[in-house]
């Protein structure tokens, strides 16, 4: 929430003040003895914009910069934004051994692609690559005074260790609410160790450098005003932020229809309040609940056939909702396939994104339809209670989010309180998934959001 000191400032002014403070902190980092600086960000607060500004700021100060991202798509996006925002800047892009520069980067003309550091004829002031690629670069190929770690909470600490010898100091930028890094092997042997490789890069770094400066971006430009308060209460109890827009700045409207179905009523509720909750009768189901998959597909189709329009600061005159601006979020790959199979039967739904929370991280849509992780389940497992999974599913939208589930989730939570084992020297994760789910269900169950099938 807005503090008294900043109440007179607009969201843009508060965001600009935060960025200026961070850039000043980067200058102190470059000149001082601290090993790093951490910037926490709520969803859609401008992490990538900050990374671009920080890199250009450091280059202007005469520094060479290495940037570490987590996926090739993130690397390409950052490289493109760097050269588009700063026409005088040349960016080096390290490629995988069999890779080539993406056509969109080739067209820009100022991104130099190379598979090895030795392939750069002239070393660019900014070089960017995935953490996996940086792990293959050695001190013999160069050393950087400062690195920027993008999406640092998605980075496992062992990935940081693999490239940490290449730089002296680091700026960590990321969203603490996102999904934790995961592993397909048993990790019990490392519980309680300060260098647990499964912990994210930020937590491990802070465990060894507890006095490292912390900053936070205070404004989410993605989430509408209807979502910021719930997101903060459920997922950011220690970090305050506001929506960059007010309650009247974004609108979503559907054309009236005769004989409205429960799906129509839920869509209308989402358009009016920003949230909709479509509740099917209570039942224990297979993970690929056919009725739920049908309801998700029907809702996506009704959004398009009812001529949904959205208006906001990006399009004040309004624009028609397109399939590419709709996402359906699920927890499991087989659920995604169940929904996709239904979308294939309707050509008008071509372009609708259907994917798991892991793959939706960092993406943005106008409307999201969410398959609730606990719907139809007999138990509340650690996987389905994970805070980050629920957070990602509920924070991809700019206008409205509609959640689909079987009735009985609140009772399920009451019957299965969090039973995560307690390990010595492991701080409890907070907020835990059980608490986050209870807060979200309390909000969705309000009469203005809830529609029963």
Protein backbone atom coordinates (compact mmCIF):
# COMPACT_ATOMS: atom_id res chain seq x y z
CA UNK A 1 0.00 0.00 0.00
CA UNK A 2 1.04 3.61 -0.46
CA UNK A 3 2.91 5.11 2.48
CA UNK A 4 2.04 8.53 3.90
CA UNK A 5 5.29 9.99 2.53
CA UNK A 6 4.45 8.97 -1.04
CA UNK A 7 0.67 9.50 -0.93
CA UNK A 8 0.95 12.77 -2.85
CA UNK A 9 2.95 11.19 -5.69
CA UNK A 10 1.49 9.54 -8.75
CA UNK A 11 2.35 5.87 -9.37
CA UNK A 12 4.73 6.96 -12.12
CA UNK A 13 6.51 9.36 -9.80
CA UNK A 14 6.87 6.69 -7.12
CA UNK A 15 8.27 4.25 -9.69
CA UNK A 16 10.71 6.88 -10.99
CA UNK A 17 11.88 7.66 -7.45
CA UNK A 18 12.49 3.96 -6.83
CA UNK A 19 14.51 3.57 -10.03
CA UNK A 20 16.60 6.65 -9.23
CA UNK A 21 17.32 5.20 -5.80
CA UNK A 22 18.31 1.88 -7.36
CA UNK A 23 20.62 3.52 -9.90
CA UNK A 24 22.25 5.47 -7.07
CA UNK A 25 22.64 2.20 -5.22
CA UNK A 26 24.30 0.69 -8.30
CA UNK A 27 26.80 3.55 -8.32
CA UNK A 28 27.56 2.89 -4.66
CA UNK A 29 27.85 -0.83 -5.42
CA UNK A 30 30.37 -0.22 -8.21
CA UNK A 31 32.47 2.10 -6.02
CA UNK A 32 32.06 0.35 -2.64
CA UNK A 33 32.81 -2.93 -0.94
CA UNK A 34 29.35 -4.55 -0.98
CA UNK A 35 29.13 -7.75 -3.01
CA UNK A 36 25.74 -7.00 -4.49
CA UNK A 37 22.34 -5.36 -4.47
CA UNK A 38 18.90 -7.02 -4.58
CA UNK A 39 15.81 -5.52 -6.22
CA UNK A 40 12.49 -7.23 -5.50
CA UNK A 41 9.66 -6.65 -7.93
CA UNK A 42 5.92 -7.41 -7.91
CA UNK A 43 4.41 -8.76 -11.14
CA UNK A 44 4.60 -6.39 -14.08
CA UNK A 45 6.59 -3.73 -12.22
CA UNK A 46 9.20 -3.28 -14.95
CA UNK A 47 11.99 -5.73 -14.11
CA UNK A 48 13.18 -5.90 -17.72
CA UNK A 49 13.00 -2.12 -18.07
CA UNK A 50 15.15 -1.79 -14.95
CA UNK A 51 17.70 -4.29 -16.27
CA UNK A 52 17.95 -2.33 -19.52
CA UNK A 53 18.34 1.00 -17.71
CA UNK A 54 20.87 -0.40 -15.27
CA UNK A 55 23.00 -1.88 -18.06
CA UNK A 56 22.98 1.38 -20.05
CA UNK A 57 23.72 3.36 -16.88
CA UNK A 58 26.76 1.22 -16.10
CA UNK A 59 28.05 1.45 -19.67
CA UNK A 60 27.69 5.23 -19.51
CA UNK A 61 29.87 5.13 -16.37
CA UNK A 62 32.57 3.28 -18.32
CA UNK A 63 31.84 -0.25 -17.04
CA UNK A 64 31.59 -3.47 -19.00
CA UNK A 65 28.52 -5.51 -18.05
CA UNK A 66 27.57 -9.17 -18.24
CA UNK A 67 23.88 -10.01 -18.04
CA UNK A 68 22.64 -13.42 -16.92
CA UNK A 69 19.11 -14.48 -17.87
CA UNK A 70 17.41 -17.82 -17.36
CA UNK A 71 16.00 -18.72 -20.78
CA UNK A 72 16.97 -18.02 -24.38
CA UNK A 73 13.70 -16.17 -24.92
CA UNK A 74 14.52 -13.84 -22.03
CA UNK A 75 18.00 -13.29 -23.44
CA UNK A 76 16.65 -12.36 -26.88
CA UNK A 77 14.02 -10.05 -25.38
CA UNK A 78 16.61 -8.20 -23.30
CA UNK A 79 19.04 -7.90 -26.21
CA UNK A 80 16.29 -6.46 -28.40
CA UNK A 81 15.16 -3.98 -25.75
CA UNK A 82 18.72 -2.85 -25.07
CA UNK A 83 19.50 -1.89 -28.66
CA UNK A 84 16.04 -0.45 -29.34
CA UNK A 85 16.21 1.74 -26.22
CA UNK A 86 19.84 2.79 -26.71
CA UNK A 87 20.72 3.22 -30.41
CA UNK A 88 24.41 3.82 -29.71
CA UNK A 89 24.82 0.58 -27.76
CA UNK A 90 26.21 -2.66 -29.18
CA UNK A 91 25.21 -5.88 -27.43
CA UNK A 92 26.93 -9.25 -27.55
CA UNK A 93 24.73 -12.32 -27.46
CA UNK A 94 26.39 -15.63 -26.54
CA UNK A 95 24.71 -18.51 -28.38
CA UNK A 96 24.48 -22.20 -27.64
CA UNK A 97 26.99 -24.36 -29.52
CA UNK A 98 24.60 -25.12 -32.39
CA UNK A 99 22.62 -21.88 -32.21
CA UNK A 100 22.33 -18.86 -34.43
CA UNK A 101 21.16 -15.30 -33.87
CA UNK A 102 17.37 -14.93 -33.92
CA UNK A 103 16.09 -13.19 -37.09
CA UNK A 104 14.58 -10.36 -35.06
CA UNK A 105 18.03 -9.62 -33.60
CA UNK A 106 19.75 -9.92 -36.98
CA UNK A 107 17.33 -7.29 -38.34
CA UNK A 108 18.37 -4.83 -35.62
CA UNK A 109 21.98 -4.87 -36.81
CA UNK A 110 23.62 -4.04 -33.49
CA UNK A 111 23.45 -7.41 -31.76
CA UNK A 112 26.63 -9.47 -32.23
CA UNK A 113 26.08 -13.20 -31.98
CA UNK A 114 28.90 -15.56 -31.01
CA UNK A 115 29.17 -19.12 -29.75
CA UNK A 116 32.43 -18.41 -27.90
CA UNK A 117 33.94 -15.29 -26.36
CA UNK A 118 36.87 -15.62 -28.78
CA UNK A 119 34.47 -15.22 -31.72
CA UNK A 120 33.77 -11.57 -30.85
CA UNK A 121 36.08 -9.45 -33.05
CA UNK A 122 35.65 -6.57 -30.59
CA UNK A 123 34.32 -7.24 -27.10
CA UNK A 124 30.95 -5.46 -26.74
CA UNK A 125 30.35 -3.38 -23.61
CA UNK A 126 27.32 -5.56 -22.76
CA UNK A 127 27.31 -9.32 -23.22
CA UNK A 128 24.21 -11.33 -22.43
CA UNK A 129 23.58 -15.08 -22.21
CA UNK A 130 21.70 -17.71 -20.26
CA UNK A 131 23.11 -18.95 -16.96
CA UNK A 132 23.67 -22.34 -18.62
CA UNK A 133 25.85 -20.70 -21.30
CA UNK A 134 27.82 -18.57 -18.83
CA UNK A 135 28.70 -21.76 -16.94
CA UNK A 136 30.90 -22.74 -19.90
CA UNK A 137 32.79 -19.44 -19.97
CA UNK A 138 36.02 -19.36 -17.94
CA UNK A 139 38.17 -16.60 -16.47
CA UNK A 140 40.50 -17.06 -19.43
CA UNK A 141 37.82 -15.48 -21.62
CA UNK A 142 37.33 -12.41 -19.48
CA UNK A 143 36.23 -11.04 -16.15
CA UNK A 144 33.57 -8.46 -15.36
CA UNK A 145 33.47 -6.05 -12.43
CA UNK A 146 29.67 -6.28 -12.25
CA UNK A 147 26.97 -8.65 -13.47
CA UNK A 148 23.20 -8.21 -13.71
CA UNK A 149 21.21 -11.33 -12.80
CA UNK A 150 17.73 -11.14 -14.34
CA UNK A 151 14.87 -13.25 -12.90
CA UNK A 152 17.20 -14.10 -10.02
CA UNK A 153 14.51 -15.91 -8.00
CA UNK A 154 14.13 -18.40 -10.88
CA UNK A 155 17.87 -19.15 -10.80
CA UNK A 156 19.08 -22.07 -8.71
CA UNK A 157 22.06 -21.32 -6.51
CA UNK A 158 24.19 -23.98 -8.18
CA UNK A 159 23.69 -22.15 -11.49
CA UNK A 160 24.92 -18.96 -9.81
CA UNK A 161 27.94 -20.81 -8.42
CA UNK A 162 28.80 -22.10 -11.89
CA UNK A 163 29.30 -18.58 -13.24
CA UNK A 164 30.10 -16.57 -10.08
CA UNK A 165 33.84 -16.64 -10.81
CA UNK A 166 33.31 -14.38 -13.82
CA UNK A 167 32.30 -11.27 -11.87
CA UNK A 168 33.06 -9.43 -8.64
CA UNK A 169 29.65 -7.93 -7.81
CA UNK A 170 26.08 -8.45 -8.90
CA UNK A 171 22.73 -6.73 -9.21
CA UNK A 172 19.97 -9.28 -8.55
CA UNK A 173 16.57 -8.43 -10.06
CA UNK A 174 13.55 -10.70 -9.64
CA UNK A 175 10.08 -11.41 -8.36
CA UNK A 176 10.08 -13.25 -4.99
CA UNK A 177 6.51 -14.44 -5.55
CA UNK A 178 7.28 -16.64 -8.54
CA UNK A 179 7.74 -20.39 -8.54
CA UNK A 180 10.83 -21.66 -6.76
CA UNK A 181 13.50 -23.48 -8.77
CA UNK A 182 12.89 -27.22 -8.91
CA UNK A 183 14.90 -30.40 -9.31
CA UNK A 184 14.08 -33.90 -10.50
CA UNK A 185 16.41 -35.50 -7.94
CA UNK A 186 16.01 -35.91 -4.18
CA UNK A 187 17.38 -32.91 -2.29
CA UNK A 188 16.94 -33.91 1.37
CA UNK A 189 20.69 -34.20 1.88
CA UNK A 190 21.08 -30.43 1.45
CA UNK A 191 18.24 -29.26 3.71
CA UNK A 192 19.44 -26.69 6.22
CA UNK A 193 22.70 -25.93 4.40
CA UNK A 194 23.28 -22.31 3.51
CA UNK A 195 24.47 -23.37 0.06
CA UNK A 196 21.56 -25.70 -0.72
CA UNK A 197 21.73 -25.90 -4.54
CA UNK A 198 17.95 -26.04 -4.83
CA UNK A 199 17.52 -22.67 -3.10
CA UNK A 200 17.26 -19.69 -5.39
CA UNK A 201 20.26 -17.49 -6.09
CA UNK A 202 18.96 -14.56 -4.02
CA UNK A 203 18.27 -16.50 -0.82
CA UNK A 204 21.66 -18.20 -0.86
CA UNK A 205 23.46 -14.93 -1.59
CA UNK A 206 21.66 -13.14 1.25
CA UNK A 207 22.39 -16.04 3.62
CA UNK A 208 26.10 -15.38 3.13
CA UNK A 209 25.79 -11.59 2.78
CA UNK A 210 23.06 -10.53 5.23
CA UNK A 211 23.91 -6.81 5.01
CA UNK A 212 23.47 -6.64 1.25
CA UNK A 213 21.23 -3.64 0.33
CA UNK A 214 17.63 -4.41 -0.61
CA UNK A 215 15.36 -2.33 -2.86
CA UNK A 216 11.85 -2.87 -4.21
CA UNK A 217 9.87 -1.59 -7.17
CA UNK A 218 6.65 -0.11 -5.76
CA UNK A 219 4.20 -0.21 -8.69
CA UNK A 220 2.73 -3.01 -10.79
CA UNK A 221 1.88 -1.80 -14.29
CA UNK A 222 0.32 -5.13 -15.27
CA UNK A 223 -2.15 -5.87 -12.51
CA UNK A 224 -5.35 -3.81 -12.48
CA UNK A 225 -6.47 -2.06 -9.32
CA UNK A 226 -8.90 -4.93 -8.69
CA UNK A 227 -6.03 -7.42 -8.37
CA UNK A 228 -3.25 -5.52 -6.61
CA UNK A 229 -4.75 -5.63 -3.12
CA UNK A 230 -5.51 -9.37 -3.20
CA UNK A 231 -2.10 -10.18 -4.67
CA UNK A 232 -0.34 -8.17 -1.97
CA UNK A 233 -2.34 -9.72 0.89
CA UNK A 234 -1.97 -13.29 -0.33
CA UNK A 235 1.57 -13.31 -1.72
CA UNK A 236 3.50 -10.22 -0.58
CA UNK A 237 2.86 -9.73 3.15
CA UNK A 238 6.25 -8.05 3.61
CA UNK A 239 6.40 -6.00 0.40
CA UNK A 240 3.98 -3.19 -0.33
CA UNK A 241 3.07 -2.16 -3.85
CA UNK A 242 0.25 -0.45 -5.72
CA UNK A 243 -1.35 -0.84 -9.12
CA UNK A 244 -0.15 1.72 -11.64
CA UNK A 245 -3.74 2.38 -12.69
CA UNK A 246 -6.85 3.33 -10.74
CA UNK A 247 -10.22 1.55 -10.52
CA UNK A 248 -11.63 3.59 -13.41
CA UNK A 249 -8.65 3.40 -15.76
CA UNK A 250 -9.33 -0.04 -17.23
CA UNK A 251 -12.60 -1.40 -18.53
CA UNK A 252 -13.74 -4.67 -20.03
CA UNK A 253 -17.15 -5.06 -21.63
CA UNK A 254 -19.05 -7.93 -23.24
CA UNK A 255 -22.01 -7.46 -25.55
CA UNK A 256 -25.35 -8.37 -23.93
CA UNK A 257 -26.73 -11.82 -24.68
CA UNK A 258 -30.13 -13.44 -24.30
CA UNK A 259 -30.52 -16.45 -22.05
CA UNK A 260 -27.24 -16.05 -20.22
CA UNK A 261 -25.64 -19.30 -19.12
CA UNK A 262 -23.67 -19.67 -15.86
CA UNK A 263 -20.51 -19.21 -17.93
CA UNK A 264 -21.90 -15.89 -19.20
CA UNK A 265 -22.72 -14.82 -15.65
CA UNK A 266 -19.17 -15.63 -14.53
CA UNK A 267 -17.70 -13.69 -17.45
CA UNK A 268 -19.94 -10.72 -16.64
CA UNK A 269 -18.78 -10.85 -13.01
CA UNK A 270 -15.15 -10.87 -14.12
CA UNK A 271 -15.73 -7.95 -16.47
CA UNK A 272 -17.47 -5.96 -13.72
CA UNK A 273 -15.17 -6.69 -10.76
CA UNK A 274 -11.94 -8.02 -12.27
CA UNK A 275 -12.52 -11.48 -10.76
CA UNK A 276 -14.87 -14.33 -11.56
CA UNK A 277 -15.23 -17.70 -9.85
CA UNK A 278 -17.05 -20.43 -11.76
CA UNK A 279 -17.84 -23.22 -9.33
CA UNK A 280 -18.85 -26.69 -10.50
CA UNK A 281 -20.58 -29.14 -8.10
CA UNK A 282 -18.32 -30.79 -5.54
CA UNK A 283 -16.84 -34.06 -6.77
CA UNK A 284 -13.58 -35.97 -6.56
CA UNK A 285 -12.34 -36.21 -10.13
CA UNK A 286 -9.47 -37.36 -12.26
CA UNK A 287 -6.79 -34.75 -12.75
CA UNK A 288 -8.12 -34.14 -16.27
CA UNK A 289 -11.65 -33.23 -15.21
CA UNK A 290 -13.68 -33.28 -18.45
CA UNK A 291 -16.37 -30.89 -17.24
CA UNK A 292 -13.82 -28.36 -16.08
CA UNK A 293 -11.90 -28.57 -19.36
CA UNK A 294 -15.18 -28.07 -21.25
CA UNK A 295 -16.06 -25.03 -19.13
CA UNK A 296 -12.68 -23.42 -19.79
CA UNK A 297 -12.98 -23.92 -23.53
CA UNK A 298 -16.58 -22.67 -23.55
CA UNK A 299 -15.59 -19.55 -21.60
CA UNK A 300 -12.78 -18.72 -24.01
CA UNK A 301 -15.21 -19.08 -26.92
CA UNK A 302 -17.87 -16.93 -25.22
CA UNK A 303 -15.30 -14.20 -24.60
CA UNK A 304 -14.75 -14.01 -28.34
CA UNK A 305 -18.30 -14.55 -29.61
CA UNK A 306 -19.71 -11.90 -27.27
CA UNK A 307 -17.46 -9.26 -28.78
CA UNK A 308 -15.41 -8.51 -25.69
CA UNK A 309 -13.63 -5.16 -25.76
CA UNK A 310 -11.01 -3.74 -23.41
CA UNK A 311 -9.85 -0.19 -22.84
CA UNK A 312 -6.91 1.00 -20.79
CA UNK A 313 -4.02 3.46 -20.76
CA UNK A 314 -2.48 1.59 -23.72
CA UNK A 315 -5.67 1.71 -25.77
CA UNK A 316 -8.01 4.39 -24.37
CA UNK A 317 -10.23 4.17 -27.46
CA UNK A 318 -10.77 0.48 -26.78
CA UNK A 319 -9.85 -2.64 -28.72
CA UNK A 320 -11.44 -5.98 -29.47
CA UNK A 321 -10.17 -8.89 -27.38
CA UNK A 322 -8.21 -11.27 -29.62
CA UNK A 323 -7.45 -14.95 -29.00
CA UNK A 324 -3.75 -14.12 -28.57
CA UNK A 325 -4.61 -11.97 -25.55
CA UNK A 326 -6.34 -14.85 -23.70
CA UNK A 327 -4.48 -17.43 -21.61
CA UNK A 328 -5.71 -20.59 -19.91
CA UNK A 329 -3.48 -21.54 -16.99
CA UNK A 330 -3.27 -25.04 -15.48
CA UNK A 331 -1.03 -26.96 -13.08
CA UNK A 332 -0.26 -30.10 -15.13
CA UNK A 333 0.71 -30.85 -18.71
CA UNK A 334 -2.10 -33.39 -19.11
CA UNK A 335 -4.62 -30.73 -18.05
CA UNK A 336 -3.18 -28.42 -20.71
CA UNK A 337 -3.57 -31.15 -23.33
CA UNK A 338 -7.14 -31.78 -22.22
CA UNK A 339 -8.01 -28.12 -22.77
CA UNK A 340 -6.07 -27.84 -26.05
CA UNK A 341 -7.95 -30.83 -27.48
CA UNK A 342 -11.19 -28.93 -26.98
CA UNK A 343 -9.86 -25.70 -28.46
CA UNK A 344 -8.79 -27.52 -31.64
CA UNK A 345 -12.44 -28.22 -32.43
CA UNK A 346 -13.17 -24.49 -32.70
CA UNK A 347 -11.12 -22.49 -35.28
CA UNK A 348 -12.06 -19.20 -33.62
CA UNK A 349 -9.97 -20.22 -30.59
CA UNK A 350 -6.74 -20.53 -32.58
CA UNK A 351 -4.12 -18.42 -30.82
CA UNK A 352 -5.38 -18.88 -27.26
CA UNK A 353 -2.45 -19.78 -25.01
CA UNK A 354 -2.86 -22.90 -22.86
CA UNK A 355 0.01 -23.78 -20.55
CA UNK A 356 1.22 -24.61 -17.07
CA UNK A 357 2.15 -22.01 -14.49
CA UNK A 358 5.84 -22.76 -15.00
CA UNK A 359 5.66 -21.75 -18.66
CA UNK A 360 3.38 -18.77 -18.10
CA UNK A 361 5.86 -17.06 -15.77
CA UNK A 362 6.79 -13.61 -17.02
CA UNK A 363 4.01 -13.48 -19.63
CA UNK A 364 1.11 -11.03 -19.81
CA UNK A 365 -2.42 -11.25 -21.19
CA UNK A 366 -5.61 -9.23 -21.09
CA UNK A 367 -7.75 -12.05 -19.66
CA UNK A 368 -6.76 -15.29 -17.95
CA UNK A 369 -8.86 -18.37 -17.27
CA UNK A 370 -7.44 -20.50 -14.46
CA UNK A 371 -7.92 -24.19 -13.61
CA UNK A 372 -7.63 -24.07 -9.81
CA UNK A 373 -4.81 -26.38 -8.60
CA UNK A 374 -6.99 -27.94 -5.86
CA UNK A 375 -10.13 -28.53 -7.90
CA UNK A 376 -11.60 -32.00 -7.50
CA UNK A 377 -8.74 -33.28 -5.36
CA UNK A 378 -8.99 -35.63 -2.40
CA UNK A 379 -5.91 -34.13 -0.75
CA UNK A 380 -3.90 -30.90 -0.69
CA UNK A 381 -0.36 -31.94 -1.60
CA UNK A 382 2.72 -29.74 -1.34
CA UNK A 383 2.80 -29.40 -5.14
CA UNK A 384 -0.75 -28.11 -5.35
CA UNK A 385 -0.37 -25.87 -2.29
CA UNK A 386 2.79 -24.22 -3.59
CA UNK A 387 2.45 -20.47 -3.21
CA UNK A 388 4.31 -19.60 -6.39
CA UNK A 389 2.08 -21.77 -8.59
CA UNK A 390 -1.12 -20.09 -7.42
CA UNK A 391 0.54 -16.68 -7.62
CA UNK A 392 1.65 -17.11 -11.23
CA UNK A 393 -1.76 -18.34 -12.33
CA UNK A 394 -3.54 -15.36 -10.74
CA UNK A 395 -1.16 -12.59 -11.81
CA UNK A 396 -0.87 -12.77 -15.62
CA UNK A 397 -3.85 -10.54 -16.46
CA UNK A 398 -4.28 -6.85 -17.22
CA UNK A 399 -8.08 -6.78 -17.04
CA UNK A 400 -9.75 -9.86 -15.56
CA UNK A 401 -9.09 -13.32 -14.16
CA UNK A 402 -11.71 -16.08 -14.06
CA UNK A 403 -11.04 -19.10 -11.82
CA UNK A 404 -12.68 -22.50 -12.46
CA UNK A 405 -12.97 -25.14 -9.75
CA UNK A 406 -15.08 -27.79 -8.09
CA UNK A 407 -16.84 -26.73 -4.90
CA UNK A 408 -15.29 -27.79 -1.61
CA UNK A 409 -11.80 -26.28 -1.80
CA UNK A 410 -12.17 -24.40 1.48
CA UNK A 411 -13.28 -27.60 3.24
CA UNK A 412 -10.36 -29.43 1.64
CA UNK A 413 -7.95 -26.85 3.03
CA UNK A 414 -9.48 -27.19 6.48
CA UNK A 415 -9.09 -30.98 6.35
CA UNK A 416 -5.49 -30.79 5.13
CA UNK A 417 -3.58 -28.04 6.93
CA UNK A 418 -0.01 -27.55 5.80
CA UNK A 419 2.08 -30.57 6.83
CA UNK A 420 5.43 -29.62 5.37
CA UNK A 421 8.26 -31.20 7.39
CA UNK A 422 10.34 -28.91 9.58
CA UNK A 423 14.10 -29.03 9.04
CA UNK A 424 16.79 -27.60 11.27
CA UNK A 425 18.25 -24.29 10.05
CA UNK A 426 15.60 -23.97 7.33
CA UNK A 427 13.53 -20.79 7.79
CA UNK A 428 9.80 -21.36 7.26
CA UNK A 429 8.52 -20.24 3.88
CA UNK A 430 6.14 -17.35 4.23
CA UNK A 431 3.54 -16.84 3.05
CA UNK A 432 2.89 -20.56 2.88
CA UNK A 433 0.58 -22.01 0.28
CA UNK A 434 -2.13 -22.97 2.75
CA UNK A 435 -2.52 -19.39 3.95
CA UNK A 436 -2.37 -17.97 0.40
CA UNK A 437 -5.07 -20.37 -0.81
CA UNK A 438 -7.34 -19.47 2.12
CA UNK A 439 -7.01 -15.73 1.40
CA UNK A 440 -7.71 -16.24 -2.30
CA UNK A 441 -10.73 -18.49 -1.69
CA UNK A 442 -12.16 -16.04 0.82
CA UNK A 443 -11.99 -13.36 -1.89
CA UNK A 444 -13.32 -15.48 -4.77
CA UNK A 445 -16.26 -16.80 -2.71
CA UNK A 446 -17.79 -13.35 -2.35
CA UNK A 447 -21.23 -13.06 -4.02
CA UNK A 448 -20.04 -10.53 -6.60
CA UNK A 449 -17.48 -13.00 -7.97
CA UNK A 450 -18.95 -16.46 -7.44
CA UNK A 451 -21.25 -18.20 -9.94
CA UNK A 452 -22.38 -21.78 -9.39
CA UNK A 453 -22.86 -24.00 -12.42
